[in-house]
Amino acid sequence: MTTQVADLLASPVLNAVIGIIGVATPLIGWASSAVSLKAVVVVEAVLVLLLVVNHIWMRQVYIHLRRANNRDMSDAKYFDLVRSQLEQELIADFGEIADGHLQVYATEVPRLSVLLFQVLIDSRSEPKRVLAADLTTNPNLLTQRREYLAVNRRLIEAGGTIQRLFICWARDLMREDYARSLLQLIDHHRSLGVTCGIAVRDRLRADQAIDFVVVSRAAVLVEEDQGDADYTRGRSSVYFKQVDRWTGRFESIWGHGAGAAPFTLQSYESAARPMLDAGTWEQSRATEAVDKL
């Protein structure tokens, strides 16, 4: 019985019936002299009371989402598409996204990363460009992000571009096992069509050594707590405002001309690959090569 009453209160049919009666009652009172004004007022009062009760009930049983002012976002149409998708999936803190900011945890992080790419592919947002800076402490972790790598490929096949900067500690670049894993990872990204570069983390400012992905001019995903292999932990934030500032930060790390990140990678490869291929890793040569980067 309780369930039936709840269904009745939440029914759109009830709202429609109340509305029709509310309009019909004064018309009948006006057209018929047999209907007293007092009766019309009583009926209207009852209808208003029913509407108030129905409104209170609906607020109790349904999730109410804050509506965002998309005019403040760097790309309003892109933001609306992401917001709508998240509302459908109910994975977000909607109080945050209404302000142009969203924080996600653990397994939601890779899901949201894929969503941001897919929306860029499907939308009319331009440029279809991604700028990604990765704090690469373990290259093997990045090779396991299969869905993420797949959506990278789809973006490039759709005419987009991706620049990926691997930010590595100097001591790691001098290690044979790390160098092998890193270059295998870079080879895989290149096979997708990604433009790769490296930067030595020891030589960056603290505000540059950040793991972030800039999606067009529409959003930036900042990884605040790096996830493990299965993303049982990890925390990231997405910002839909002032994205151009993050673009400038990426470009300052990527560099220009002979000092740009792809040329730094080329210099490192020219020293590391021959030793890896021949199985003759020499620590002194590796150290010298890294010192020159």
C-alpha atoms as a PDB file:
ATOM      1  CA  MET A   1       0.000   0.000   0.000  1.00  0.00           C
ATOM      2  CA  THR A   2       2.828   2.401   0.931  1.00  0.00           C
ATOM      3  CA  THR A   3       4.579   1.713  -2.366  1.00  0.00           C
ATOM      4  CA  GLN A   4       1.393   2.405  -4.306  1.00  0.00           C
ATOM      5  CA  VAL A   5       0.916   5.750  -2.534  1.00  0.00           C
ATOM      6  CA  ALA A   6       4.557   6.684  -3.229  1.00  0.00           C
ATOM      7  CA  ASP A   7       4.170   5.801  -6.908  1.00  0.00           C
ATOM      8  CA  LEU A   8       0.980   7.868  -7.078  1.00  0.00           C
ATOM      9  CA  LEU A   9       2.625  10.951  -5.536  1.00  0.00           C
ATOM     10  CA  ALA A  10       5.571  10.682  -7.929  1.00  0.00           C
ATOM     11  CA  SER A  11       3.368  10.070 -10.960  1.00  0.00           C
ATOM     12  CA  PRO A  12       3.401  12.710 -13.715  1.00  0.00           C
ATOM     13  CA  VAL A  13      -0.231  11.760 -14.387  1.00  0.00           C
ATOM     14  CA  LEU A  14      -1.189  13.144 -10.956  1.00  0.00           C
ATOM     15  CA  ASN A  15       0.473  16.459 -11.748  1.00  0.00           C
ATOM     16  CA  ALA A  16      -1.355  16.615 -15.076  1.00  0.00           C
ATOM     17  CA  VAL A  17      -4.744  15.873 -13.449  1.00  0.00           C
ATOM     18  CA  ILE A  18      -4.181  18.538 -10.771  1.00  0.00           C
ATOM     19  CA  GLY A  19      -3.266  21.070 -13.436  1.00  0.00           C
ATOM     20  CA  ILE A  20      -6.339  20.306 -15.533  1.00  0.00           C
ATOM     21  CA  ILE A  21      -8.661  20.559 -12.528  1.00  0.00           C
ATOM     22  CA  GLY A  22      -6.982  23.799 -11.483  1.00  0.00           C
ATOM     23  CA  VAL A  23      -7.730  25.354 -14.867  1.00  0.00           C
ATOM     24  CA  ALA A  24     -11.207  23.841 -15.262  1.00  0.00           C
ATOM     25  CA  THR A  25     -12.573  24.790 -11.826  1.00  0.00           C
ATOM     26  CA  PRO A  26     -12.629  28.606 -12.244  1.00  0.00           C
ATOM     27  CA  LEU A  27     -13.924  28.208 -15.814  1.00  0.00           C
ATOM     28  CA  ILE A  28     -16.837  26.081 -14.606  1.00  0.00           C
ATOM     29  CA  GLY A  29     -17.538  28.570 -11.785  1.00  0.00           C
ATOM     30  CA  TRP A  30     -17.556  31.438 -14.277  1.00  0.00           C
ATOM     31  CA  ALA A  31     -19.817  29.619 -16.753  1.00  0.00           C
ATOM     32  CA  SER A  32     -22.299  28.210 -14.227  1.00  0.00           C
ATOM     33  CA  SER A  33     -24.285  30.370 -11.833  1.00  0.00           C
ATOM     34  CA  ALA A  34     -25.062  27.243  -9.784  1.00  0.00           C
ATOM     35  CA  VAL A  35     -21.457  27.006  -8.567  1.00  0.00           C
ATOM     36  CA  SER A  36     -20.650  29.333  -5.667  1.00  0.00           C
ATOM     37  CA  LEU A  37     -17.469  31.388  -5.435  1.00  0.00           C
ATOM     38  CA  LYS A  38     -16.783  29.838  -2.054  1.00  0.00           C
ATOM     39  CA  ALA A  39     -16.742  26.340  -3.547  1.00  0.00           C
ATOM     40  CA  VAL A  40     -14.305  27.449  -6.267  1.00  0.00           C
ATOM     41  CA  VAL A  41     -11.943  28.966  -3.685  1.00  0.00           C
ATOM     42  CA  VAL A  42     -12.050  25.794  -1.567  1.00  0.00           C
ATOM     43  CA  VAL A  43     -11.251  23.568  -4.563  1.00  0.00           C
ATOM     44  CA  GLU A  44      -8.376  25.829  -5.646  1.00  0.00           C
ATOM     45  CA  ALA A  45      -6.995  25.880  -2.097  1.00  0.00           C
ATOM     46  CA  VAL A  46      -7.051  22.078  -1.967  1.00  0.00           C
ATOM     47  CA  LEU A  47      -5.277  21.873  -5.342  1.00  0.00           C
ATOM     48  CA  VAL A  48      -2.547  24.279  -4.200  1.00  0.00           C
ATOM     49  CA  LEU A  49      -2.077  22.211  -1.054  1.00  0.00           C
ATOM     50  CA  LEU A  50      -1.762  19.047  -3.156  1.00  0.00           C
ATOM     51  CA  LEU A  51       0.864  20.708  -5.343  1.00  0.00           C
ATOM     52  CA  VAL A  52       2.886  21.771  -2.291  1.00  0.00           C
ATOM     53  CA  VAL A  53       2.757  18.252  -0.818  1.00  0.00           C
ATOM     54  CA  ASN A  54       3.724  16.767  -4.183  1.00  0.00           C
ATOM     55  CA  HIS A  55       6.646  19.192  -4.525  1.00  0.00           C
ATOM     56  CA  ILE A  56       7.972  18.356  -1.046  1.00  0.00           C
ATOM     57  CA  TRP A  57       7.652  14.634  -1.778  1.00  0.00           C
ATOM     58  CA  MET A  58       9.509  14.927  -5.079  1.00  0.00           C
ATOM     59  CA  ARG A  59      12.416  16.741  -3.378  1.00  0.00           C
ATOM     60  CA  GLN A  60      12.683  13.885  -0.897  1.00  0.00           C
ATOM     61  CA  VAL A  61      12.739  11.008  -3.381  1.00  0.00           C
ATOM     62  CA  TYR A  62      14.759  12.435  -6.296  1.00  0.00           C
ATOM     63  CA  ILE A  63      18.344  13.647  -6.612  1.00  0.00           C
ATOM     64  CA  HIS A  64      18.484  17.341  -7.370  1.00  0.00           C
ATOM     65  CA  LEU A  65      21.478  18.535  -9.348  1.00  0.00           C
ATOM     66  CA  ARG A  66      22.836  22.048  -9.251  1.00  0.00           C
ATOM     67  CA  ARG A  67      22.670  23.712 -12.620  1.00  0.00           C
ATOM     68  CA  ALA A  68      25.956  25.097 -13.805  1.00  0.00           C
ATOM     69  CA  ASN A  69      26.620  28.471 -15.370  1.00  0.00           C
ATOM     70  CA  ASN A  70      28.503  27.258 -18.423  1.00  0.00           C
ATOM     71  CA  ARG A  71      29.355  30.795 -19.525  1.00  0.00           C
ATOM     72  CA  ASP A  72      32.288  30.723 -17.092  1.00  0.00           C
ATOM     73  CA  MET A  73      33.789  27.579 -18.628  1.00  0.00           C
ATOM     74  CA  SER A  74      36.645  27.622 -21.129  1.00  0.00           C
ATOM     75  CA  ASP A  75      34.492  25.641 -23.597  1.00  0.00           C
ATOM     76  CA  ALA A  76      30.803  25.777 -22.644  1.00  0.00           C
ATOM     77  CA  LYS A  77      29.572  23.162 -25.143  1.00  0.00           C
ATOM     78  CA  TYR A  78      32.269  20.663 -24.194  1.00  0.00           C
ATOM     79  CA  PHE A  79      31.514  21.206 -20.496  1.00  0.00           C
ATOM     80  CA  ASP A  80      27.797  20.610 -21.055  1.00  0.00           C
ATOM     81  CA  LEU A  81      28.509  17.330 -22.840  1.00  0.00           C
ATOM     82  CA  VAL A  82      30.766  16.076 -20.038  1.00  0.00           C
ATOM     83  CA  ARG A  83      28.342  17.226 -17.337  1.00  0.00           C
ATOM     84  CA  SER A  84      25.399  15.497 -19.031  1.00  0.00           C
ATOM     85  CA  GLN A  85      27.335  12.271 -19.368  1.00  0.00           C
ATOM     86  CA  LEU A  86      28.389  12.328 -15.714  1.00  0.00           C
ATOM     87  CA  GLU A  87      24.853  13.037 -14.581  1.00  0.00           C
ATOM     88  CA  GLN A  88      23.663   9.986 -16.486  1.00  0.00           C
ATOM     89  CA  GLU A  89      26.331   7.791 -14.910  1.00  0.00           C
ATOM     90  CA  LEU A  90      25.923   9.334 -11.441  1.00  0.00           C
ATOM     91  CA  ILE A  91      29.645   9.076 -10.677  1.00  0.00           C
ATOM     92  CA  ALA A  92      30.303  12.690  -9.839  1.00  0.00           C
ATOM     93  CA  ASP A  93      30.004  15.177  -6.994  1.00  0.00           C
ATOM     94  CA  PHE A  94      27.585  17.486  -8.763  1.00  0.00           C
ATOM     95  CA  GLY A  95      28.128  20.304  -6.298  1.00  0.00           C
ATOM     96  CA  GLU A  96      31.682  20.494  -7.557  1.00  0.00           C
ATOM     97  CA  ILE A  97      31.062  20.134 -11.285  1.00  0.00           C
ATOM     98  CA  ALA A  98      28.511  22.953 -11.188  1.00  0.00           C
ATOM     99  CA  ASP A  99      31.435  25.205 -10.228  1.00  0.00           C
ATOM    100  CA  GLY A 100      33.639  23.943 -13.074  1.00  0.00           C
ATOM    101  CA  HIS A 101      35.645  21.564 -10.921  1.00  0.00           C
ATOM    102  CA  LEU A 102      35.365  17.831 -10.362  1.00  0.00           C
ATOM    103  CA  GLN A 103      37.354  15.498  -8.116  1.00  0.00           C
ATOM    104  CA  VAL A 104      37.422  11.750  -8.666  1.00  0.00           C
ATOM    105  CA  TYR A 105      39.039   8.839  -6.883  1.00  0.00           C
ATOM    106  CA  ALA A 106      40.485   5.395  -7.585  1.00  0.00           C
ATOM    107  CA  THR A 107      38.754   3.540 -10.441  1.00  0.00           C
ATOM    108  CA  GLU A 108      36.818   6.667 -11.483  1.00  0.00           C
ATOM    109  CA  VAL A 109      40.093   8.310 -12.608  1.00  0.00           C
ATOM    110  CA  PRO A 110      40.769   6.146 -15.712  1.00  0.00           C
ATOM    111  CA  ARG A 111      37.045   6.151 -16.577  1.00  0.00           C
ATOM    112  CA  LEU A 112      36.972   9.932 -16.525  1.00  0.00           C
ATOM    113  CA  SER A 113      40.201  10.151 -18.547  1.00  0.00           C
ATOM    114  CA  VAL A 114      38.617   8.061 -21.290  1.00  0.00           C
ATOM    115  CA  LEU A 115      35.404  10.105 -21.123  1.00  0.00           C
ATOM    116  CA  LEU A 116      37.256  13.409 -21.627  1.00  0.00           C
ATOM    117  CA  PHE A 117      38.949  12.043 -24.752  1.00  0.00           C
ATOM    118  CA  GLN A 118      35.761  10.481 -26.125  1.00  0.00           C
ATOM    119  CA  VAL A 119      33.767  13.691 -25.694  1.00  0.00           C
ATOM    120  CA  LEU A 120      36.497  15.577 -27.572  1.00  0.00           C
ATOM    121  CA  ILE A 121      36.242  13.041 -30.411  1.00  0.00           C
ATOM    122  CA  ASP A 122      32.449  13.246 -30.563  1.00  0.00           C
ATOM    123  CA  SER A 123      32.076  17.003 -30.073  1.00  0.00           C
ATOM    124  CA  ARG A 124      32.817  19.951 -32.328  1.00  0.00           C
ATOM    125  CA  SER A 125      35.385  21.365 -29.911  1.00  0.00           C
ATOM    126  CA  GLU A 126      38.584  22.562 -31.529  1.00  0.00           C
ATOM    127  CA  PRO A 127      41.463  22.030 -31.617  1.00  0.00           C
ATOM    128  CA  LYS A 128      41.284  18.260 -31.261  1.00  0.00           C
ATOM    129  CA  ARG A 129      44.583  18.321 -29.437  1.00  0.00           C
ATOM    130  CA  VAL A 130      45.780  16.768 -26.198  1.00  0.00           C
ATOM    131  CA  LEU A 131      48.858  17.863 -24.273  1.00  0.00           C
ATOM    132  CA  ALA A 132      49.878  15.294 -21.659  1.00  0.00           C
ATOM    133  CA  ALA A 133      52.635  15.520 -19.052  1.00  0.00           C
ATOM    134  CA  ASP A 134      53.325  12.222 -17.262  1.00  0.00           C
ATOM    135  CA  LEU A 135      55.409  11.870 -14.109  1.00  0.00           C
ATOM    136  CA  THR A 136      56.941   8.588 -15.261  1.00  0.00           C
ATOM    137  CA  THR A 137      58.220   6.766 -12.201  1.00  0.00           C
ATOM    138  CA  ASN A 138      57.169   3.341 -13.502  1.00  0.00           C
ATOM    139  CA  PRO A 139      56.767   3.068 -17.305  1.00  0.00           C
ATOM    140  CA  ASN A 140      55.202  -0.391 -16.970  1.00  0.00           C
ATOM    141  CA  LEU A 141      52.132   1.063 -15.251  1.00  0.00           C
ATOM    142  CA  LEU A 142      51.335   3.223 -18.271  1.00  0.00           C
ATOM    143  CA  THR A 143      51.420   0.259 -20.656  1.00  0.00           C
ATOM    144  CA  GLN A 144      48.516  -1.339 -18.733  1.00  0.00           C
ATOM    145  CA  ARG A 145      46.023   1.486 -19.369  1.00  0.00           C
ATOM    146  CA  ARG A 146      44.422  -0.342 -22.305  1.00  0.00           C
ATOM    147  CA  GLU A 147      41.193   1.661 -22.560  1.00  0.00           C
ATOM    148  CA  TYR A 148      43.119   4.905 -22.261  1.00  0.00           C
ATOM    149  CA  LEU A 149      45.580   3.879 -24.970  1.00  0.00           C
ATOM    150  CA  ALA A 150      42.688   2.773 -27.192  1.00  0.00           C
ATOM    151  CA  VAL A 151      40.959   6.151 -26.929  1.00  0.00           C
ATOM    152  CA  ASN A 152      44.297   7.831 -27.709  1.00  0.00           C
ATOM    153  CA  ARG A 153      44.353   5.876 -30.942  1.00  0.00           C
ATOM    154  CA  ARG A 154      40.745   6.796 -31.748  1.00  0.00           C
ATOM    155  CA  LEU A 155      41.454  10.490 -31.236  1.00  0.00           C
ATOM    156  CA  ILE A 156      44.397  10.408 -33.648  1.00  0.00           C
ATOM    157  CA  GLU A 157      42.409   8.386 -36.186  1.00  0.00           C
ATOM    158  CA  ALA A 158      39.716  11.086 -35.947  1.00  0.00           C
ATOM    159  CA  GLY A 159      42.281  13.699 -37.028  1.00  0.00           C
ATOM    160  CA  GLY A 160      43.430  14.767 -33.561  1.00  0.00           C
ATOM    161  CA  THR A 161      46.951  15.190 -32.226  1.00  0.00           C
ATOM    162  CA  ILE A 162      48.605  14.181 -28.953  1.00  0.00           C
ATOM    163  CA  GLN A 163      51.867  15.432 -27.487  1.00  0.00           C
ATOM    164  CA  ARG A 164      53.048  13.361 -24.541  1.00  0.00           C
ATOM    165  CA  LEU A 165      55.876  14.468 -22.286  1.00  0.00           C
ATOM    166  CA  PHE A 166      57.477  11.845 -20.041  1.00  0.00           C
ATOM    167  CA  ILE A 167      58.970  13.545 -16.977  1.00  0.00           C
ATOM    168  CA  CYS A 168      61.675  11.300 -15.534  1.00  0.00           C
ATOM    169  CA  TRP A 169      64.172  11.463 -12.685  1.00  0.00           C
ATOM    170  CA  ALA A 170      67.800  11.603 -13.866  1.00  0.00           C
ATOM    171  CA  ARG A 171      68.752   8.626 -11.668  1.00  0.00           C
ATOM    172  CA  ASP A 172      66.004   6.546 -13.339  1.00  0.00           C
ATOM    173  CA  LEU A 173      67.160   7.425 -16.856  1.00  0.00           C
ATOM    174  CA  MET A 174      70.596   6.047 -15.928  1.00  0.00           C
ATOM    175  CA  ARG A 175      69.153   2.615 -15.057  1.00  0.00           C
ATOM    176  CA  GLU A 176      69.125  -0.118 -17.713  1.00  0.00           C
ATOM    177  CA  ASP A 177      65.786  -1.663 -16.661  1.00  0.00           C
ATOM    178  CA  TYR A 178      64.075   1.730 -16.560  1.00  0.00           C
ATOM    179  CA  ALA A 179      65.519   2.799 -19.913  1.00  0.00           C
ATOM    180  CA  ARG A 180      64.316  -0.411 -21.550  1.00  0.00           C
ATOM    181  CA  SER A 181      60.777  -0.053 -20.189  1.00  0.00           C
ATOM    182  CA  LEU A 182      60.610   3.650 -21.026  1.00  0.00           C
ATOM    183  CA  LEU A 183      61.705   3.231 -24.636  1.00  0.00           C
ATOM    184  CA  GLN A 184      59.292   0.321 -25.125  1.00  0.00           C
ATOM    185  CA  LEU A 185      56.518   2.555 -23.823  1.00  0.00           C
ATOM    186  CA  ILE A 186      57.566   5.365 -26.146  1.00  0.00           C
ATOM    187  CA  ASP A 187      57.667   2.980 -29.105  1.00  0.00           C
ATOM    188  CA  HIS A 188      54.088   1.946 -28.335  1.00  0.00           C
ATOM    189  CA  HIS A 189      52.881   5.544 -28.128  1.00  0.00           C
ATOM    190  CA  ARG A 190      54.625   6.396 -31.379  1.00  0.00           C
ATOM    191  CA  SER A 191      52.856   3.456 -33.034  1.00  0.00           C
ATOM    192  CA  LEU A 192      49.581   5.155 -32.066  1.00  0.00           C
ATOM    193  CA  GLY A 193      50.720   8.401 -33.677  1.00  0.00           C
ATOM    194  CA  VAL A 194      51.640  10.238 -30.469  1.00  0.00           C
ATOM    195  CA  THR A 195      54.466  12.812 -30.556  1.00  0.00           C
ATOM    196  CA  CYS A 196      56.745  12.000 -27.608  1.00  0.00           C
ATOM    197  CA  GLY A 197      59.343  13.910 -25.635  1.00  0.00           C
ATOM    198  CA  ILE A 198      61.123  13.681 -22.286  1.00  0.00           C
ATOM    199  CA  ALA A 199      62.120  16.136 -19.591  1.00  0.00           C
ATOM    200  CA  VAL A 200      64.450  15.604 -16.646  1.00  0.00           C
ATOM    201  CA  ARG A 201      62.432  16.095 -13.496  1.00  0.00           C
ATOM    202  CA  ASP A 202      65.436  17.228 -11.452  1.00  0.00           C
ATOM    203  CA  ARG A 203      65.715  20.317 -13.656  1.00  0.00           C
ATOM    204  CA  LEU A 204      62.088  21.412 -13.471  1.00  0.00           C
ATOM    205  CA  ARG A 205      60.471  23.766 -11.012  1.00  0.00           C
ATOM    206  CA  ALA A 206      57.996  22.321  -8.538  1.00  0.00           C
ATOM    207  CA  ASP A 207      55.075  23.903 -10.445  1.00  0.00           C
ATOM    208  CA  GLN A 208      56.228  22.160 -13.641  1.00  0.00           C
ATOM    209  CA  ALA A 209      56.694  18.642 -12.240  1.00  0.00           C
ATOM    210  CA  ILE A 210      52.965  17.889 -12.307  1.00  0.00           C
ATOM    211  CA  ASP A 211      51.032  15.055 -13.905  1.00  0.00           C
ATOM    212  CA  PHE A 212      48.317  16.658 -16.067  1.00  0.00           C
ATOM    213  CA  VAL A 213      46.453  16.320 -19.361  1.00  0.00           C
ATOM    214  CA  VAL A 214      45.104  19.319 -21.281  1.00  0.00           C
ATOM    215  CA  VAL A 215      42.129  18.402 -23.499  1.00  0.00           C
ATOM    216  CA  SER A 216      41.764  20.961 -26.294  1.00  0.00           C
ATOM    217  CA  ARG A 217      40.975  24.343 -24.719  1.00  0.00           C
ATOM    218  CA  ALA A 218      38.157  22.764 -22.750  1.00  0.00           C
ATOM    219  CA  ALA A 219      39.446  20.848 -19.719  1.00  0.00           C
ATOM    220  CA  VAL A 220      42.523  19.813 -17.783  1.00  0.00           C
ATOM    221  CA  LEU A 221      42.869  16.623 -15.756  1.00  0.00           C
ATOM    222  CA  VAL A 222      45.393  16.955 -12.925  1.00  0.00           C
ATOM    223  CA  GLU A 223      46.555  13.776 -11.204  1.00  0.00           C
ATOM    224  CA  GLU A 224      47.164  14.740  -7.585  1.00  0.00           C
ATOM    225  CA  ASP A 225      47.787  11.267  -6.184  1.00  0.00           C
ATOM    226  CA  GLN A 226      49.089   8.762  -8.706  1.00  0.00           C
ATOM    227  CA  GLY A 227      47.220   5.501  -8.995  1.00  0.00           C
ATOM    228  CA  ASP A 228      48.675   2.035  -8.741  1.00  0.00           C
ATOM    229  CA  ALA A 229      48.417  -0.722 -11.354  1.00  0.00           C
ATOM    230  CA  ASP A 230      44.738  -1.475 -10.635  1.00  0.00           C
ATOM    231  CA  TYR A 231      43.790   2.050  -9.595  1.00  0.00           C
ATOM    232  CA  THR A 232      42.679   0.901  -6.149  1.00  0.00           C
ATOM    233  CA  ARG A 233      43.994   4.286  -5.043  1.00  0.00           C
ATOM    234  CA  GLY A 234      44.617   7.613  -6.722  1.00  0.00           C
ATOM    235  CA  ARG A 235      42.996  11.037  -6.853  1.00  0.00           C
ATOM    236  CA  SER A 236      42.567  13.484  -9.717  1.00  0.00           C
ATOM    237  CA  SER A 237      40.795  16.768 -10.391  1.00  0.00           C
ATOM    238  CA  VAL A 238      39.297  18.129 -13.595  1.00  0.00           C
ATOM    239  CA  TYR A 239      39.072  21.864 -14.212  1.00  0.00           C
ATOM    240  CA  PHE A 240      36.909  23.410 -16.918  1.00  0.00           C
ATOM    241  CA  LYS A 241      38.013  27.008 -16.289  1.00  0.00           C
ATOM    242  CA  GLN A 242      41.214  28.877 -17.232  1.00  0.00           C
ATOM    243  CA  VAL A 243      42.504  25.928 -19.240  1.00  0.00           C
ATOM    244  CA  ASP A 244      44.824  28.157 -21.299  1.00  0.00           C
ATOM    245  CA  ARG A 245      47.037  28.618 -18.233  1.00  0.00           C
ATOM    246  CA  TRP A 246      47.737  24.885 -18.217  1.00  0.00           C
ATOM    247  CA  THR A 247      48.436  24.948 -21.938  1.00  0.00           C
ATOM    248  CA  GLY A 248      51.068  27.610 -21.307  1.00  0.00           C
ATOM    249  CA  ARG A 249      52.578  25.546 -18.513  1.00  0.00           C
ATOM    250  CA  PHE A 250      52.876  22.506 -20.782  1.00  0.00           C
ATOM    251  CA  GLU A 251      54.455  24.517 -23.590  1.00  0.00           C
ATOM    252  CA  SER A 252      57.018  25.996 -21.190  1.00  0.00           C
ATOM    253  CA  ILE A 253      58.141  22.471 -20.246  1.00  0.00           C
ATOM    254  CA  TRP A 254      57.969  21.105 -23.796  1.00  0.00           C
ATOM    255  CA  GLY A 255      60.243  23.887 -25.015  1.00  0.00           C
ATOM    256  CA  HIS A 256      61.105  25.098 -28.505  1.00  0.00           C
ATOM    257  CA  GLY A 257      63.783  24.593 -31.127  1.00  0.00           C
ATOM    258  CA  ALA A 258      66.825  22.429 -30.419  1.00  0.00           C
ATOM    259  CA  GLY A 259      65.990  22.328 -26.719  1.00  0.00           C
ATOM    260  CA  ALA A 260      62.486  20.966 -27.201  1.00  0.00           C
ATOM    261  CA  ALA A 261      61.426  17.734 -25.493  1.00  0.00           C
ATOM    262  CA  PRO A 262      61.474  15.579 -28.684  1.00  0.00           C
ATOM    263  CA  PHE A 263      65.096  16.527 -29.298  1.00  0.00           C
ATOM    264  CA  THR A 264      65.956  15.751 -25.674  1.00  0.00           C
ATOM    265  CA  LEU A 265      64.405  12.325 -26.201  1.00  0.00           C
ATOM    266  CA  GLN A 266      66.321  11.882 -29.453  1.00  0.00           C
ATOM    267  CA  SER A 267      69.599  12.668 -27.661  1.00  0.00           C
ATOM    268  CA  TYR A 268      68.803  10.162 -24.919  1.00  0.00           C
ATOM    269  CA  GLU A 269      67.801   7.474 -27.411  1.00  0.00           C
ATOM    270  CA  SER A 270      70.989   7.881 -29.425  1.00  0.00           C
ATOM    271  CA  ALA A 271      72.972   6.895 -26.347  1.00  0.00           C
ATOM    272  CA  ALA A 272      70.638   4.375 -24.712  1.00  0.00           C
ATOM    273  CA  ARG A 273      69.296   2.330 -27.629  1.00  0.00           C
ATOM    274  CA  PRO A 274      72.651   1.047 -28.954  1.00  0.00           C
ATOM    275  CA  MET A 275      73.632  -0.164 -25.494  1.00  0.00           C
ATOM    276  CA  LEU A 276      70.227  -1.811 -24.930  1.00  0.00           C
ATOM    277  CA  ASP A 277      70.236  -3.471 -28.352  1.00  0.00           C
ATOM    278  CA  ALA A 278      73.743  -4.821 -27.879  1.00  0.00           C
ATOM    279  CA  GLY A 279      73.190  -5.822 -24.257  1.00  0.00           C
ATOM    280  CA  THR A 280      76.211  -3.739 -23.202  1.00  0.00           C
ATOM    281  CA  TRP A 281      74.804  -1.188 -20.778  1.00  0.00           C
ATOM    282  CA  GLU A 282      77.560   0.964 -19.354  1.00  0.00           C
ATOM    283  CA  GLN A 283      76.659   3.034 -16.329  1.00  0.00           C
ATOM    284  CA  SER A 284      79.311   5.646 -17.027  1.00  0.00           C
ATOM    285  CA  ARG A 285      78.084   6.235 -20.594  1.00  0.00           C
ATOM    286  CA  ALA A 286      74.477   6.389 -19.418  1.00  0.00           C
ATOM    287  CA  THR A 287      75.368   8.906 -16.711  1.00  0.00           C
ATOM    288  CA  GLU A 288      77.277  11.035 -19.188  1.00  0.00           C
ATOM    289  CA  ALA A 289      74.374  10.995 -21.650  1.00  0.00           C
ATOM    290  CA  VAL A 290      71.824  12.003 -19.006  1.00  0.00           C
ATOM    291  CA  ASP A 291      74.058  14.796 -17.718  1.00  0.00           C
ATOM    292  CA  LYS A 292      74.066  16.313 -21.221  1.00  0.00           C
ATOM    293  CA  LEU A 293      70.279  16.369 -21.567  1.00  0.00           C
END
